[in-house]
PDB file of N, CA and C in Angstrom:
ATOM      1  N   MET A   1       0.837  -1.188   0.000  1.00  0.00           N
ATOM      2  CA  MET A   1       0.000   0.000   0.000  1.00  0.00           C
ATOM      3  C   MET A   1       0.880   1.250   0.000  1.00  0.00           C
ATOM      4  N   ASN A   2       0.592   2.178  -0.881  1.00  0.00           N
ATOM      5  CA  ASN A   2       1.350   3.424  -0.937  1.00  0.00           C
ATOM      6  C   ASN A   2       0.937   4.346   0.192  1.00  0.00           C
ATOM      7  N   ARG A   3       1.908   5.084   0.690  1.00  0.00           N
ATOM      8  CA  ARG A   3       1.619   6.041   1.742  1.00  0.00           C
ATOM      9  C   ARG A   3       1.429   7.412   1.116  1.00  0.00           C
ATOM     10  N   LYS A   4       0.459   8.149   1.614  1.00  0.00           N
ATOM     11  CA  LYS A   4       0.133   9.446   1.031  1.00  0.00           C
ATOM     12  C   LYS A   4       1.211  10.479   1.365  1.00  0.00           C
ATOM     13  N   ILE A   5       1.647  11.199   0.329  1.00  0.00           N
ATOM     14  CA  ILE A   5       2.740  12.162   0.441  1.00  0.00           C
ATOM     15  C   ILE A   5       2.218  13.567   0.133  1.00  0.00           C
ATOM     16  N   LEU A   6       2.475  14.518   1.040  1.00  0.00           N
ATOM     17  CA  LEU A   6       2.113  15.912   0.821  1.00  0.00           C
ATOM     18  C   LEU A   6       3.265  16.617   0.116  1.00  0.00           C
ATOM     19  N   VAL A   7       2.940  17.334  -0.957  1.00  0.00           N
ATOM     20  CA  VAL A   7       3.947  18.090  -1.700  1.00  0.00           C
ATOM     21  C   VAL A   7       3.551  19.566  -1.698  1.00  0.00           C
ATOM     22  N   PRO A   8       4.144  20.369  -0.774  1.00  0.00           N
ATOM     23  CA  PRO A   8       3.894  21.810  -0.794  1.00  0.00           C
ATOM     24  C   PRO A   8       4.490  22.432  -2.054  1.00  0.00           C
ATOM     25  N   GLY A   9       3.887  23.514  -2.489  1.00  0.00           N
ATOM     26  CA  GLY A   9       4.378  24.185  -3.691  1.00  0.00           C
ATOM     27  C   GLY A   9       4.170  23.340  -4.934  1.00  0.00           C
ATOM     28  N   ALA A  10       3.090  22.583  -4.951  1.00  0.00           N
ATOM     29  CA  ALA A  10       2.843  21.605  -6.013  1.00  0.00           C
ATOM     30  C   ALA A  10       2.672  22.221  -7.399  1.00  0.00           C
ATOM     31  N   THR A  11       2.417  23.508  -7.479  1.00  0.00           N
ATOM     32  CA  THR A  11       2.279  24.132  -8.791  1.00  0.00           C
ATOM     33  C   THR A  11       3.551  24.856  -9.226  1.00  0.00           C
ATOM     34  N   GLY A  12       4.569  24.848  -8.367  1.00  0.00           N
ATOM     35  CA  GLY A  12       5.841  25.482  -8.700  1.00  0.00           C
ATOM     36  C   GLY A  12       6.733  24.560  -9.513  1.00  0.00           C
ATOM     37  N   LYS A  13       7.934  25.023  -9.805  1.00  0.00           N
ATOM     38  CA  LYS A  13       8.856  24.256 -10.654  1.00  0.00           C
ATOM     39  C   LYS A  13       9.234  22.909 -10.033  1.00  0.00           C
ATOM     40  N   VAL A  14       9.731  22.927  -8.821  1.00  0.00           N
ATOM     41  CA  VAL A  14      10.161  21.693  -8.166  1.00  0.00           C
ATOM     42  C   VAL A  14       8.963  20.836  -7.775  1.00  0.00           C
ATOM     43  N   GLY A  15       7.985  21.451  -7.130  1.00  0.00           N
ATOM     44  CA  GLY A  15       6.820  20.702  -6.670  1.00  0.00           C
ATOM     45  C   GLY A  15       6.043  20.034  -7.782  1.00  0.00           C
ATOM     46  N   SER A  16       5.842  20.736  -8.892  1.00  0.00           N
ATOM     47  CA  SER A  16       5.055  20.146  -9.982  1.00  0.00           C
ATOM     48  C   SER A  16       5.793  18.974 -10.626  1.00  0.00           C
ATOM     49  N   GLU A  17       7.106  19.077 -10.732  1.00  0.00           N
ATOM     50  CA  GLU A  17       7.874  17.967 -11.290  1.00  0.00           C
ATOM     51  C   GLU A  17       7.834  16.764 -10.344  1.00  0.00           C
ATOM     52  N   LEU A  18       7.933  17.028  -9.047  1.00  0.00           N
ATOM     53  CA  LEU A  18       7.860  15.941  -8.077  1.00  0.00           C
ATOM     54  C   LEU A  18       6.491  15.261  -8.116  1.00  0.00           C
ATOM     55  N   VAL A  19       5.430  16.052  -8.182  1.00  0.00           N
ATOM     56  CA  VAL A  19       4.080  15.473  -8.271  1.00  0.00           C
ATOM     57  C   VAL A  19       3.981  14.587  -9.508  1.00  0.00           C
ATOM     58  N   ARG A  20       4.460  15.060 -10.639  1.00  0.00           N
ATOM     59  CA  ARG A  20       4.412  14.248 -11.868  1.00  0.00           C
ATOM     60  C   ARG A  20       5.154  12.915 -11.698  1.00  0.00           C
ATOM     61  N   LEU A  21       6.338  12.970 -11.097  1.00  0.00           N
ATOM     62  CA  LEU A  21       7.117  11.745 -10.894  1.00  0.00           C
ATOM     63  C   LEU A  21       6.425  10.784  -9.923  1.00  0.00           C
ATOM     64  N   LEU A  22       5.868  11.328  -8.864  1.00  0.00           N
ATOM     65  CA  LEU A  22       5.176  10.480  -7.887  1.00  0.00           C
ATOM     66  C   LEU A  22       3.944   9.823  -8.502  1.00  0.00           C
ATOM     67  N   VAL A  23       3.177  10.590  -9.260  1.00  0.00           N
ATOM     68  CA  VAL A  23       1.991  10.037  -9.924  1.00  0.00           C
ATOM     69  C   VAL A  23       2.409   8.965 -10.923  1.00  0.00           C
ATOM     70  N   LYS A  24       3.465   9.235 -11.669  1.00  0.00           N
ATOM     71  CA  LYS A  24       3.972   8.269 -12.648  1.00  0.00           C
ATOM     72  C   LYS A  24       4.356   6.954 -11.971  1.00  0.00           C
ATOM     73  N   ASN A  25       4.852   7.050 -10.730  1.00  0.00           N
ATOM     74  CA  ASN A  25       5.253   5.869  -9.973  1.00  0.00           C
ATOM     75  C   ASN A  25       4.130   5.333  -9.083  1.00  0.00           C
ATOM     76  N   SER A  26       2.908   5.753  -9.372  1.00  0.00           N
ATOM     77  CA  SER A  26       1.704   5.275  -8.675  1.00  0.00           C
ATOM     78  C   SER A  26       1.707   5.560  -7.182  1.00  0.00           C
ATOM     79  N   GLU A  27       2.319   6.661  -6.786  1.00  0.00           N
ATOM     80  CA  GLU A  27       2.292   7.065  -5.383  1.00  0.00           C
ATOM     81  C   GLU A  27       1.022   7.863  -5.107  1.00  0.00           C
ATOM     82  N   ALA A  28       0.550   7.810  -3.886  1.00  0.00           N
ATOM     83  CA  ALA A  28      -0.603   8.604  -3.467  1.00  0.00           C
ATOM     84  C   ALA A  28      -0.104  10.001  -3.116  1.00  0.00           C
ATOM     85  N   VAL A  29      -0.524  10.987  -3.887  1.00  0.00           N
ATOM     86  CA  VAL A  29      -0.021  12.349  -3.735  1.00  0.00           C
ATOM     87  C   VAL A  29      -1.129  13.289  -3.294  1.00  0.00           C
ATOM     88  N   CYS A  30      -0.769  14.185  -2.390  1.00  0.00           N
ATOM     89  CA  CYS A  30      -1.660  15.273  -2.000  1.00  0.00           C
ATOM     90  C   CYS A  30      -0.903  16.565  -2.304  1.00  0.00           C
ATOM     91  N   ALA A  31      -1.388  17.312  -3.268  1.00  0.00           N
ATOM     92  CA  ALA A  31      -0.734  18.545  -3.685  1.00  0.00           C
ATOM     93  C   ALA A  31      -1.141  19.682  -2.757  1.00  0.00           C
ATOM     94  N   ALA A  32      -0.173  20.343  -2.167  1.00  0.00           N
ATOM     95  CA  ALA A  32      -0.440  21.469  -1.285  1.00  0.00           C
ATOM     96  C   ALA A  32      -0.218  22.763  -2.057  1.00  0.00           C
ATOM     97  N   SER A  33      -1.210  23.645  -1.984  1.00  0.00           N
ATOM     98  CA  SER A  33      -1.148  24.872  -2.765  1.00  0.00           C
ATOM     99  C   SER A  33      -1.974  25.959  -2.092  1.00  0.00           C
ATOM    100  N   ARG A  34      -1.641  27.205  -2.373  1.00  0.00           N
ATOM    101  CA  ARG A  34      -2.495  28.304  -1.904  1.00  0.00           C
ATOM    102  C   ARG A  34      -3.811  28.301  -2.670  1.00  0.00           C
ATOM    103  N   ASN A  35      -3.830  27.648  -3.823  1.00  0.00           N
ATOM    104  CA  ASN A  35      -5.031  27.592  -4.660  1.00  0.00           C
ATOM    105  C   ASN A  35      -5.285  26.137  -5.078  1.00  0.00           C
ATOM    106  N   PRO A  36      -5.922  25.343  -4.194  1.00  0.00           N
ATOM    107  CA  PRO A  36      -6.138  23.926  -4.496  1.00  0.00           C
ATOM    108  C   PRO A  36      -6.862  23.648  -5.817  1.00  0.00           C
ATOM    109  N   PRO A  37      -7.910  24.399  -6.186  1.00  0.00           N
ATOM    110  CA  PRO A  37      -8.550  24.111  -7.472  1.00  0.00           C
ATOM    111  C   PRO A  37      -7.593  24.261  -8.661  1.00  0.00           C
ATOM    112  N   ALA A  38      -6.701  25.232  -8.606  1.00  0.00           N
ATOM    113  CA  ALA A  38      -5.730  25.414  -9.685  1.00  0.00           C
ATOM    114  C   ALA A  38      -4.761  24.232  -9.739  1.00  0.00           C
ATOM    115  N   ALA A  39      -4.382  23.729  -8.578  1.00  0.00           N
ATOM    116  CA  ALA A  39      -3.477  22.573  -8.539  1.00  0.00           C
ATOM    117  C   ALA A  39      -4.156  21.349  -9.137  1.00  0.00           C
ATOM    118  N   GLU A  40      -5.411  21.128  -8.797  1.00  0.00           N
ATOM    119  CA  GLU A  40      -6.124  19.978  -9.346  1.00  0.00           C
ATOM    120  C   GLU A  40      -6.267  20.103 -10.863  1.00  0.00           C
ATOM    121  N   LEU A  41      -6.523  21.304 -11.352  1.00  0.00           N
ATOM    122  CA  LEU A  41      -6.606  21.516 -12.802  1.00  0.00           C
ATOM    123  C   LEU A  41      -5.261  21.253 -13.483  1.00  0.00           C
ATOM    124  N   LYS A  42      -4.192  21.709 -12.844  1.00  0.00           N
ATOM    125  CA  LYS A  42      -2.860  21.540 -13.430  1.00  0.00           C
ATOM    126  C   LYS A  42      -2.536  20.063 -13.663  1.00  0.00           C
ATOM    127  N   PHE A  43      -3.029  19.218 -12.763  1.00  0.00           N
ATOM    128  CA  PHE A  43      -2.758  17.779 -12.868  1.00  0.00           C
ATOM    129  C   PHE A  43      -3.977  17.003 -13.356  1.00  0.00           C
ATOM    130  N   HIS A  44      -4.884  17.696 -14.005  1.00  0.00           N
ATOM    131  CA  HIS A  44      -6.033  17.087 -14.676  1.00  0.00           C
ATOM    132  C   HIS A  44      -6.874  16.213 -13.757  1.00  0.00           C
ATOM    133  N   GLY A  45      -6.976  16.607 -12.481  1.00  0.00           N
ATOM    134  CA  GLY A  45      -7.803  15.867 -11.540  1.00  0.00           C
ATOM    135  C   GLY A  45      -7.213  14.542 -11.095  1.00  0.00           C
ATOM    136  N   ASN A  46      -5.936  14.282 -11.395  1.00  0.00           N
ATOM    137  CA  ASN A  46      -5.300  13.018 -11.017  1.00  0.00           C
ATOM    138  C   ASN A  46      -4.767  13.008  -9.591  1.00  0.00           C
ATOM    139  N   ILE A  47      -4.876  14.129  -8.904  1.00  0.00           N
ATOM    140  CA  ILE A  47      -4.385  14.224  -7.536  1.00  0.00           C
ATOM    141  C   ILE A  47      -5.421  14.940  -6.677  1.00  0.00           C
ATOM    142  N   LYS A  48      -5.283  14.787  -5.375  1.00  0.00           N
ATOM    143  CA  LYS A  48      -6.074  15.560  -4.430  1.00  0.00           C
ATOM    144  C   LYS A  48      -5.234  16.777  -4.065  1.00  0.00           C
ATOM    145  N   ALA A  49      -5.864  17.918  -3.924  1.00  0.00           N
ATOM    146  CA  ALA A  49      -5.147  19.125  -3.520  1.00  0.00           C
ATOM    147  C   ALA A  49      -5.758  19.689  -2.245  1.00  0.00           C
ATOM    148  N   VAL A  50      -4.905  20.256  -1.407  1.00  0.00           N
ATOM    149  CA  VAL A  50      -5.350  20.892  -0.169  1.00  0.00           C
ATOM    150  C   VAL A  50      -4.734  22.283  -0.078  1.00  0.00           C
ATOM    151  N   GLU A  51      -5.380  23.145   0.691  1.00  0.00           N
ATOM    152  CA  GLU A  51      -4.842  24.488   0.888  1.00  0.00           C
ATOM    153  C   GLU A  51      -3.675  24.433   1.863  1.00  0.00           C
ATOM    154  N   PHE A  52      -2.579  25.073   1.473  1.00  0.00           N
ATOM    155  CA  PHE A  52      -1.407  25.194   2.335  1.00  0.00           C
ATOM    156  C   PHE A  52      -0.703  26.485   1.957  1.00  0.00           C
ATOM    157  N   ASP A  53      -0.489  27.336   2.964  1.00  0.00           N
ATOM    158  CA  ASP A  53       0.170  28.609   2.725  1.00  0.00           C
ATOM    159  C   ASP A  53       1.135  28.865   3.873  1.00  0.00           C
ATOM    160  N   TYR A  54       2.411  29.025   3.554  1.00  0.00           N
ATOM    161  CA  TYR A  54       3.416  29.259   4.579  1.00  0.00           C
ATOM    162  C   TYR A  54       3.099  30.496   5.418  1.00  0.00           C
ATOM    163  N   GLU A  55       2.370  31.432   4.870  1.00  0.00           N
ATOM    164  CA  GLU A  55       2.023  32.656   5.596  1.00  0.00           C
ATOM    165  C   GLU A  55       0.782  32.491   6.474  1.00  0.00           C
ATOM    166  N   LEU A  56       0.096  31.359   6.360  1.00  0.00           N
ATOM    167  CA  LEU A  56      -1.128  31.112   7.133  1.00  0.00           C
ATOM    168  C   LEU A  56      -0.982  29.814   7.925  1.00  0.00           C
ATOM    169  N   PRO A  57      -0.419  29.900   9.134  1.00  0.00           N
ATOM    170  CA  PRO A  57      -0.208  28.695   9.939  1.00  0.00           C
ATOM    171  C   PRO A  57      -1.478  27.871  10.173  1.00  0.00           C
ATOM    172  N   GLU A  58      -2.632  28.498  10.096  1.00  0.00           N
ATOM    173  CA  GLU A  58      -3.884  27.761  10.290  1.00  0.00           C
ATOM    174  C   GLU A  58      -4.144  26.756   9.164  1.00  0.00           C
ATOM    175  N   THR A  59      -3.397  26.838   8.066  1.00  0.00           N
ATOM    176  CA  THR A  59      -3.563  25.862   6.984  1.00  0.00           C
ATOM    177  C   THR A  59      -2.680  24.627   7.187  1.00  0.00           C
ATOM    178  N   PHE A  60      -1.759  24.664   8.146  1.00  0.00           N
ATOM    179  CA  PHE A  60      -0.817  23.561   8.333  1.00  0.00           C
ATOM    180  C   PHE A  60      -1.497  22.264   8.777  1.00  0.00           C
ATOM    181  N   ALA A  61      -2.197  22.298   9.906  1.00  0.00           N
ATOM    182  CA  ALA A  61      -2.797  21.076  10.469  1.00  0.00           C
ATOM    183  C   ALA A  61      -3.793  20.421   9.512  1.00  0.00           C
ATOM    184  N   PRO A  62      -4.721  21.185   8.907  1.00  0.00           N
ATOM    185  CA  PRO A  62      -5.636  20.532   7.971  1.00  0.00           C
ATOM    186  C   PRO A  62      -4.923  19.896   6.773  1.00  0.00           C
ATOM    187  N   ALA A  63      -3.847  20.521   6.298  1.00  0.00           N
ATOM    188  CA  ALA A  63      -3.122  19.982   5.144  1.00  0.00           C
ATOM    189  C   ALA A  63      -2.405  18.679   5.499  1.00  0.00           C
ATOM    190  N   LEU A  64      -1.996  18.542   6.744  1.00  0.00           N
ATOM    191  CA  LEU A  64      -1.240  17.360   7.173  1.00  0.00           C
ATOM    192  C   LEU A  64      -2.121  16.190   7.598  1.00  0.00           C
ATOM    193  N   LYS A  65      -3.388  16.428   7.759  1.00  0.00           N
ATOM    194  CA  LYS A  65      -4.293  15.381   8.252  1.00  0.00           C
ATOM    195  C   LYS A  65      -4.336  14.181   7.300  1.00  0.00           C
ATOM    196  N   GLY A  66      -4.126  12.991   7.860  1.00  0.00           N
ATOM    197  CA  GLY A  66      -4.219  11.756   7.095  1.00  0.00           C
ATOM    198  C   GLY A  66      -3.025  11.438   6.210  1.00  0.00           C
ATOM    199  N   LEU A  67      -1.928  12.165   6.385  1.00  0.00           N
ATOM    200  CA  LEU A  67      -0.744  11.943   5.545  1.00  0.00           C
ATOM    201  C   LEU A  67       0.301  11.112   6.271  1.00  0.00           C
ATOM    202  N   ASP A  68       1.153  10.494   5.480  1.00  0.00           N
ATOM    203  CA  ASP A  68       2.217   9.677   6.035  1.00  0.00           C
ATOM    204  C   ASP A  68       3.590  10.316   5.861  1.00  0.00           C
ATOM    205  N   LYS A  69       3.755  11.099   4.791  1.00  0.00           N
ATOM    206  CA  LYS A  69       5.045  11.708   4.481  1.00  0.00           C
ATOM    207  C   LYS A  69       4.830  13.132   3.979  1.00  0.00           C
ATOM    208  N   VAL A  70       5.879  13.938   4.125  1.00  0.00           N
ATOM    209  CA  VAL A  70       5.850  15.313   3.624  1.00  0.00           C
ATOM    210  C   VAL A  70       7.166  15.602   2.917  1.00  0.00           C
ATOM    211  N   PHE A  71       7.072  16.161   1.714  1.00  0.00           N
ATOM    212  CA  PHE A  71       8.238  16.704   1.037  1.00  0.00           C
ATOM    213  C   PHE A  71       8.276  18.167   1.443  1.00  0.00           C
ATOM    214  N   LEU A  72       9.237  18.537   2.265  1.00  0.00           N
ATOM    215  CA  LEU A  72       9.258  19.881   2.818  1.00  0.00           C
ATOM    216  C   LEU A  72      10.296  20.742   2.119  1.00  0.00           C
ATOM    217  N   VAL A  73       9.855  21.878   1.642  1.00  0.00           N
ATOM    218  CA  VAL A  73      10.728  22.865   1.023  1.00  0.00           C
ATOM    219  C   VAL A  73      10.497  24.199   1.707  1.00  0.00           C
ATOM    220  N   VAL A  74      11.500  25.044   1.694  1.00  0.00           N
ATOM    221  CA  VAL A  74      11.325  26.380   2.269  1.00  0.00           C
ATOM    222  C   VAL A  74      10.646  27.286   1.251  1.00  0.00           C
ATOM    223  N   ARG A  75      10.100  28.344   1.750  1.00  0.00           N
ATOM    224  CA  ARG A  75       9.468  29.324   0.865  1.00  0.00           C
ATOM    225  C   ARG A  75      10.504  29.933  -0.061  1.00  0.00           C
ATOM    226  N   PRO A  76      10.131  30.211  -1.296  1.00  0.00           N
ATOM    227  CA  PRO A  76      11.071  30.852  -2.219  1.00  0.00           C
ATOM    228  C   PRO A  76      11.569  32.182  -1.657  1.00  0.00           C
ATOM    229  N   GLY A  77      12.862  32.374  -1.716  1.00  0.00           N
ATOM    230  CA  GLY A  77      13.448  33.631  -1.253  1.00  0.00           C
ATOM    231  C   GLY A  77      13.561  33.762   0.246  1.00  0.00           C
ATOM    232  N   ASP A  78      13.283  32.706   0.994  1.00  0.00           N
ATOM    233  CA  ASP A  78      13.331  32.756   2.446  1.00  0.00           C
ATOM    234  C   ASP A  78      14.763  32.533   2.924  1.00  0.00           C
ATOM    235  N   ASN A  79      15.387  33.573   3.439  1.00  0.00           N
ATOM    236  CA  ASN A  79      16.763  33.459   3.905  1.00  0.00           C
ATOM    237  C   ASN A  79      16.853  32.966   5.343  1.00  0.00           C
ATOM    238  N   GLU A  80      15.715  32.893   6.038  1.00  0.00           N
ATOM    239  CA  GLU A  80      15.686  32.422   7.423  1.00  0.00           C
ATOM    240  C   GLU A  80      14.523  31.438   7.606  1.00  0.00           C
ATOM    241  N   PRO A  81      14.579  30.278   6.964  1.00  0.00           N
ATOM    242  CA  PRO A  81      13.449  29.355   7.029  1.00  0.00           C
ATOM    243  C   PRO A  81      13.163  28.820   8.423  1.00  0.00           C
ATOM    244  N   ASP A  82      14.162  28.840   9.312  1.00  0.00           N
ATOM    245  CA  ASP A  82      13.951  28.353  10.658  1.00  0.00           C
ATOM    246  C   ASP A  82      13.136  29.330  11.490  1.00  0.00           C
ATOM    247  N   LYS A  83      12.875  30.520  10.989  1.00  0.00           N
ATOM    248  CA  LYS A  83      12.098  31.513  11.699  1.00  0.00           C
ATOM    249  C   LYS A  83      10.700  31.661  11.113  1.00  0.00           C
ATOM    250  N   LEU A  84      10.177  30.550  10.581  1.00  0.00           N
ATOM    251  CA  LEU A  84       8.846  30.567   9.981  1.00  0.00           C
ATOM    252  C   LEU A  84       7.774  30.925  10.995  1.00  0.00           C
ATOM    253  N   LEU A  85       7.859  30.303  12.146  1.00  0.00           N
ATOM    254  CA  LEU A  85       6.874  30.546  13.197  1.00  0.00           C
ATOM    255  C   LEU A  85       7.556  31.070  14.436  1.00  0.00           C
ATOM    256  N   PRO A  86       6.859  31.907  15.205  1.00  0.00           N
ATOM    257  CA  PRO A  86       7.460  32.426  16.450  1.00  0.00           C
ATOM    258  C   PRO A  86       7.671  31.339  17.471  1.00  0.00           C
TER     259      PRO A  86
END
């Protein structure tokens, strides 16, 4: 059984390529995006998308619910990723 993997930034350069590779390898993918409907359209409805925004901590817990793995990347241009949350 495949374990569900969350991919933040799923519509970006790295995230979208990772989603494509995971889907190609029959992995269960959950695309994390600030705009879930756009993410689902980008992948032609082949993935589930959830709202995730680094600037909105309230989106973290719902996005992680029911997942087994996370591909974690820092926000683009973030020179201090360890200071994401107070």
